[in-house]
Amino acid sequence: MSELVLLLLRIGFLVLLWFFVFGVVYSLRADLFGVKVRKLPAEAATGAPAAAPAPAPKAAPRSGQSGGAATTRSVSKLVITSGPKAGLELPLGTEPMTIGRSSESGLVIRDDYTSSHHARLLLRGDTWAIQDLDSTNGTFLSGKRLGTSPVSIGIGDTVKVGATTFELRA
């Protein structure tokens, strides 16, 4: 082989090695310090919180539950029903609450199945909703895995994040 081919191969392998090193450093940084929480589409376009999003449609009553969507007038707390923090009750205001392993989260859940910024509980108009933040293991509402768009929560609906299950109560 000519000197030029060997030089190009060495440079190529060196560049590939640096891509690998940067990938490992980025992954470690994201695990240690978390990633930035994404804004909702309405917030991203204006750079400010969305004024008053249209209320989500009310959920149909489910058998065995009080049914209906959880409104601000009826919901006062989030109750953890299973997991390491079972029995913990958190009061809810009107601000969104991030759920995850990060110490910046409103509800910190430290287990191997929870992402740094796993999900967000937010108020949409007069209805509470849950949004998965592209978590690795997903967020489940009444046994169904959520997508990345917010989904309305009814009082008594079970939400599972990692090994923790919680619900909204009056």
C-alpha atoms as a PDB file:
ATOM      1  CA  MET A   1       0.000   0.000   0.000  1.00  0.00           C
ATOM      2  CA  SER A   2       1.092   3.505  -0.663  1.00  0.00           C
ATOM      3  CA  GLU A   3       1.953   6.008   2.048  1.00  0.00           C
ATOM      4  CA  LEU A   4      -1.101   8.114   1.161  1.00  0.00           C
ATOM      5  CA  VAL A   5      -3.560   5.217   1.651  1.00  0.00           C
ATOM      6  CA  LEU A   6      -2.045   4.342   5.027  1.00  0.00           C
ATOM      7  CA  LEU A   7      -2.192   7.988   6.140  1.00  0.00           C
ATOM      8  CA  LEU A   8      -5.869   8.250   5.131  1.00  0.00           C
ATOM      9  CA  LEU A   9      -6.695   5.002   6.978  1.00  0.00           C
ATOM     10  CA  ARG A  10      -4.972   6.275  10.124  1.00  0.00           C
ATOM     11  CA  ILE A  11      -6.852   9.590   9.968  1.00  0.00           C
ATOM     12  CA  GLY A  12     -10.140   7.755   9.361  1.00  0.00           C
ATOM     13  CA  PHE A  13      -9.637   5.493  12.363  1.00  0.00           C
ATOM     14  CA  LEU A  14      -8.639   8.473  14.511  1.00  0.00           C
ATOM     15  CA  VAL A  15     -11.825  10.362  13.542  1.00  0.00           C
ATOM     16  CA  LEU A  16     -13.927   7.245  14.260  1.00  0.00           C
ATOM     17  CA  LEU A  17     -12.250   6.890  17.668  1.00  0.00           C
ATOM     18  CA  TRP A  18     -13.053  10.533  18.562  1.00  0.00           C
ATOM     19  CA  PHE A  19     -16.720  10.051  17.555  1.00  0.00           C
ATOM     20  CA  PHE A  20     -16.853   7.081  19.915  1.00  0.00           C
ATOM     21  CA  VAL A  21     -15.212   9.047  22.766  1.00  0.00           C
ATOM     22  CA  PHE A  22     -17.620  11.994  22.344  1.00  0.00           C
ATOM     23  CA  GLY A  23     -20.587   9.612  22.243  1.00  0.00           C
ATOM     24  CA  VAL A  24     -19.542   7.996  25.529  1.00  0.00           C
ATOM     25  CA  VAL A  25     -18.952  11.384  27.203  1.00  0.00           C
ATOM     26  CA  TYR A  26     -22.346  12.696  26.020  1.00  0.00           C
ATOM     27  CA  SER A  27     -24.102   9.573  27.281  1.00  0.00           C
ATOM     28  CA  LEU A  28     -22.405   9.804  30.699  1.00  0.00           C
ATOM     29  CA  ARG A  29     -23.228  13.504  30.989  1.00  0.00           C
ATOM     30  CA  ALA A  30     -26.889  12.858  30.172  1.00  0.00           C
ATOM     31  CA  ASP A  31     -27.074  10.079  32.789  1.00  0.00           C
ATOM     32  CA  LEU A  32     -25.383  12.137  35.498  1.00  0.00           C
ATOM     33  CA  PHE A  33     -26.944  15.550  34.932  1.00  0.00           C
ATOM     34  CA  GLY A  34     -30.119  14.769  32.994  1.00  0.00           C
ATOM     35  CA  VAL A  35     -31.279  16.240  29.740  1.00  0.00           C
ATOM     36  CA  LYS A  36     -33.160  19.452  29.158  1.00  0.00           C
ATOM     37  CA  VAL A  37     -36.937  19.061  29.353  1.00  0.00           C
ATOM     38  CA  ARG A  38     -38.611  19.700  26.025  1.00  0.00           C
ATOM     39  CA  LYS A  39     -41.223  22.420  25.788  1.00  0.00           C
ATOM     40  CA  LEU A  40     -44.706  21.769  24.498  1.00  0.00           C
ATOM     41  CA  PRO A  41     -45.188  22.783  20.828  1.00  0.00           C
ATOM     42  CA  ALA A  42     -47.168  25.927  21.781  1.00  0.00           C
ATOM     43  CA  GLU A  43     -44.403  26.988  24.188  1.00  0.00           C
ATOM     44  CA  ALA A  44     -41.614  26.297  21.709  1.00  0.00           C
ATOM     45  CA  ALA A  45     -43.147  28.472  18.979  1.00  0.00           C
ATOM     46  CA  THR A  46     -43.576  31.568  21.146  1.00  0.00           C
ATOM     47  CA  GLY A  47     -40.830  31.002  23.699  1.00  0.00           C
ATOM     48  CA  ALA A  48     -43.374  31.611  26.463  1.00  0.00           C
ATOM     49  CA  PRO A  49     -45.828  29.346  28.218  1.00  0.00           C
ATOM     50  CA  ALA A  50     -48.982  28.705  26.262  1.00  0.00           C
ATOM     51  CA  ALA A  51     -51.736  31.150  27.182  1.00  0.00           C
ATOM     52  CA  ALA A  52     -54.738  28.947  27.800  1.00  0.00           C
ATOM     53  CA  PRO A  53     -54.734  25.750  25.795  1.00  0.00           C
ATOM     54  CA  ALA A  54     -58.095  24.380  24.789  1.00  0.00           C
ATOM     55  CA  PRO A  55     -59.389  21.912  27.326  1.00  0.00           C
ATOM     56  CA  ALA A  56     -58.951  18.274  26.413  1.00  0.00           C
ATOM     57  CA  PRO A  57     -62.098  16.264  25.852  1.00  0.00           C
ATOM     58  CA  LYS A  58     -63.485  14.729  29.005  1.00  0.00           C
ATOM     59  CA  ALA A  59     -62.806  11.031  29.437  1.00  0.00           C
ATOM     60  CA  ALA A  60     -65.780   8.702  29.531  1.00  0.00           C
ATOM     61  CA  PRO A  61     -66.495   7.183  32.947  1.00  0.00           C
ATOM     62  CA  ARG A  62     -64.882   3.807  33.477  1.00  0.00           C
ATOM     63  CA  SER A  63     -66.443   0.973  35.361  1.00  0.00           C
ATOM     64  CA  GLY A  64     -65.380   0.769  38.989  1.00  0.00           C
ATOM     65  CA  GLN A  65     -64.037   4.319  39.016  1.00  0.00           C
ATOM     66  CA  SER A  66     -65.428   7.715  39.811  1.00  0.00           C
ATOM     67  CA  GLY A  67     -64.846   8.485  36.112  1.00  0.00           C
ATOM     68  CA  GLY A  68     -64.557  11.696  34.196  1.00  0.00           C
ATOM     69  CA  ALA A  69     -61.518  13.837  33.685  1.00  0.00           C
ATOM     70  CA  ALA A  70     -59.677  15.171  36.696  1.00  0.00           C
ATOM     71  CA  THR A  71     -60.499  18.879  36.939  1.00  0.00           C
ATOM     72  CA  THR A  72     -58.736  21.490  39.031  1.00  0.00           C
ATOM     73  CA  ARG A  73     -61.808  21.869  41.241  1.00  0.00           C
ATOM     74  CA  SER A  74     -61.905  18.183  42.132  1.00  0.00           C
ATOM     75  CA  VAL A  75     -58.193  17.253  42.252  1.00  0.00           C
ATOM     76  CA  SER A  76     -56.071  18.321  45.180  1.00  0.00           C
ATOM     77  CA  LYS A  77     -53.315  15.724  45.436  1.00  0.00           C
ATOM     78  CA  LEU A  78     -51.241  13.034  43.779  1.00  0.00           C
ATOM     79  CA  VAL A  79     -51.057   9.808  45.814  1.00  0.00           C
ATOM     80  CA  ILE A  80     -48.386   7.149  45.263  1.00  0.00           C
ATOM     81  CA  THR A  81     -50.098   3.772  45.570  1.00  0.00           C
ATOM     82  CA  SER A  82     -47.173   1.391  45.000  1.00  0.00           C
ATOM     83  CA  GLY A  83     -43.413   1.521  44.748  1.00  0.00           C
ATOM     84  CA  PRO A  84     -40.636   2.752  47.033  1.00  0.00           C
ATOM     85  CA  LYS A  85     -42.580   5.880  48.079  1.00  0.00           C
ATOM     86  CA  ALA A  86     -45.996   4.197  48.533  1.00  0.00           C
ATOM     87  CA  GLY A  87     -48.354   6.279  50.660  1.00  0.00           C
ATOM     88  CA  LEU A  88     -46.724   9.628  49.805  1.00  0.00           C
ATOM     89  CA  GLU A  89     -49.235  12.384  49.007  1.00  0.00           C
ATOM     90  CA  LEU A  90     -48.179  15.480  47.064  1.00  0.00           C
ATOM     91  CA  PRO A  91     -50.420  18.552  46.846  1.00  0.00           C
ATOM     92  CA  LEU A  92     -51.103  19.780  43.312  1.00  0.00           C
ATOM     93  CA  GLY A  93     -51.232  23.427  42.305  1.00  0.00           C
ATOM     94  CA  THR A  94     -51.637  24.707  38.771  1.00  0.00           C
ATOM     95  CA  GLU A  95     -47.999  24.413  37.674  1.00  0.00           C
ATOM     96  CA  PRO A  96     -46.732  21.437  35.625  1.00  0.00           C
ATOM     97  CA  MET A  97     -44.857  18.770  37.599  1.00  0.00           C
ATOM     98  CA  THR A  98     -41.960  16.843  36.078  1.00  0.00           C
ATOM     99  CA  ILE A  99     -41.544  13.239  37.193  1.00  0.00           C
ATOM    100  CA  GLY A 100     -38.188  11.473  37.009  1.00  0.00           C
ATOM    101  CA  ARG A 101     -34.844  10.619  38.578  1.00  0.00           C
ATOM    102  CA  SER A 102     -33.432  14.142  38.279  1.00  0.00           C
ATOM    103  CA  SER A 103     -33.234  16.180  41.472  1.00  0.00           C
ATOM    104  CA  GLU A 104     -34.872  19.020  39.477  1.00  0.00           C
ATOM    105  CA  SER A 105     -38.098  16.976  39.157  1.00  0.00           C
ATOM    106  CA  GLY A 106     -41.181  17.818  41.212  1.00  0.00           C
ATOM    107  CA  LEU A 107     -41.619  14.102  41.972  1.00  0.00           C
ATOM    108  CA  VAL A 108     -38.232  12.376  42.247  1.00  0.00           C
ATOM    109  CA  ILE A 109     -38.373   8.619  41.658  1.00  0.00           C
ATOM    110  CA  ARG A 110     -35.027   6.907  42.055  1.00  0.00           C
ATOM    111  CA  ASP A 111     -35.172   3.517  40.372  1.00  0.00           C
ATOM    112  CA  ASP A 112     -33.446   1.885  37.421  1.00  0.00           C
ATOM    113  CA  TYR A 113     -36.589   1.969  35.249  1.00  0.00           C
ATOM    114  CA  THR A 114     -37.183   5.738  35.451  1.00  0.00           C
ATOM    115  CA  SER A 115     -35.545   8.275  33.123  1.00  0.00           C
ATOM    116  CA  SER A 116     -34.042  11.546  34.380  1.00  0.00           C
ATOM    117  CA  HIS A 117     -37.014  13.466  32.986  1.00  0.00           C
ATOM    118  CA  HIS A 118     -39.537  10.688  32.494  1.00  0.00           C
ATOM    119  CA  ALA A 119     -42.981  12.314  32.359  1.00  0.00           C
ATOM    120  CA  ARG A 120     -44.815  15.568  32.990  1.00  0.00           C
ATOM    121  CA  LEU A 121     -48.117  16.109  34.791  1.00  0.00           C
ATOM    122  CA  LEU A 122     -49.732  19.279  33.476  1.00  0.00           C
ATOM    123  CA  LEU A 123     -52.928  21.245  33.561  1.00  0.00           C
ATOM    124  CA  ARG A 124     -54.624  21.699  30.175  1.00  0.00           C
ATOM    125  CA  GLY A 125     -57.434  24.172  30.601  1.00  0.00           C
ATOM    126  CA  ASP A 126     -59.497  22.626  33.399  1.00  0.00           C
ATOM    127  CA  THR A 127     -58.191  19.056  32.978  1.00  0.00           C
ATOM    128  CA  TRP A 128     -55.076  17.286  34.275  1.00  0.00           C
ATOM    129  CA  ALA A 129     -53.000  15.401  31.703  1.00  0.00           C
ATOM    130  CA  ILE A 130     -49.856  13.247  31.682  1.00  0.00           C
ATOM    131  CA  GLN A 131     -47.172  13.453  28.988  1.00  0.00           C
ATOM    132  CA  ASP A 132     -44.329  10.998  28.425  1.00  0.00           C
ATOM    133  CA  LEU A 133     -41.032  12.824  27.766  1.00  0.00           C
ATOM    134  CA  ASP A 134     -39.531  10.201  25.409  1.00  0.00           C
ATOM    135  CA  SER A 135     -38.628   7.967  28.347  1.00  0.00           C
ATOM    136  CA  THR A 136     -36.842   4.689  27.687  1.00  0.00           C
ATOM    137  CA  ASN A 137     -39.274   2.415  29.526  1.00  0.00           C
ATOM    138  CA  GLY A 138     -42.446   4.416  28.877  1.00  0.00           C
ATOM    139  CA  THR A 139     -45.269   5.828  30.957  1.00  0.00           C
ATOM    140  CA  PHE A 140     -48.448   3.784  31.376  1.00  0.00           C
ATOM    141  CA  LEU A 141     -51.983   5.084  31.977  1.00  0.00           C
ATOM    142  CA  SER A 142     -54.382   2.341  33.134  1.00  0.00           C
ATOM    143  CA  GLY A 143     -52.080  -0.297  31.609  1.00  0.00           C
ATOM    144  CA  LYS A 144     -51.674   1.398  28.187  1.00  0.00           C
ATOM    145  CA  ARG A 145     -48.362   2.902  27.109  1.00  0.00           C
ATOM    146  CA  LEU A 146     -48.562   6.632  26.343  1.00  0.00           C
ATOM    147  CA  GLY A 147     -47.115   8.444  23.354  1.00  0.00           C
ATOM    148  CA  THR A 148     -45.397  11.815  23.637  1.00  0.00           C
ATOM    149  CA  SER A 149     -48.595  13.872  23.428  1.00  0.00           C
ATOM    150  CA  PRO A 150     -50.468  14.755  26.652  1.00  0.00           C
ATOM    151  CA  VAL A 151     -53.363  12.444  27.624  1.00  0.00           C
ATOM    152  CA  SER A 152     -56.160  13.401  30.043  1.00  0.00           C
ATOM    153  CA  ILE A 153     -56.257  11.642  33.414  1.00  0.00           C
ATOM    154  CA  GLY A 154     -59.426  10.766  35.292  1.00  0.00           C
ATOM    155  CA  ILE A 155     -59.611  10.598  39.077  1.00  0.00           C
ATOM    156  CA  GLY A 156     -58.582   7.095  40.117  1.00  0.00           C
ATOM    157  CA  ASP A 157     -56.751   6.257  36.857  1.00  0.00           C
ATOM    158  CA  THR A 158     -53.451   4.537  37.626  1.00  0.00           C
ATOM    159  CA  VAL A 159     -50.276   6.013  36.143  1.00  0.00           C
ATOM    160  CA  LYS A 160     -47.130   3.868  36.189  1.00  0.00           C
ATOM    161  CA  VAL A 161     -43.659   5.411  35.917  1.00  0.00           C
ATOM    162  CA  GLY A 162     -40.865   2.882  36.358  1.00  0.00           C
ATOM    163  CA  ALA A 163     -41.685   0.784  39.434  1.00  0.00           C
ATOM    164  CA  THR A 164     -43.960   3.475  40.919  1.00  0.00           C
ATOM    165  CA  THR A 165     -47.736   3.720  40.490  1.00  0.00           C
ATOM    166  CA  PHE A 166     -49.753   6.816  41.417  1.00  0.00           C
ATOM    167  CA  GLU A 167     -53.172   8.362  40.895  1.00  0.00           C
ATOM    168  CA  LEU A 168     -54.926  11.710  41.276  1.00  0.00           C
ATOM    169  CA  ARG A 169     -57.405  12.105  44.111  1.00  0.00           C
ATOM    170  CA  ALA A 170     -59.763  14.770  45.391  1.00  0.00           C
END
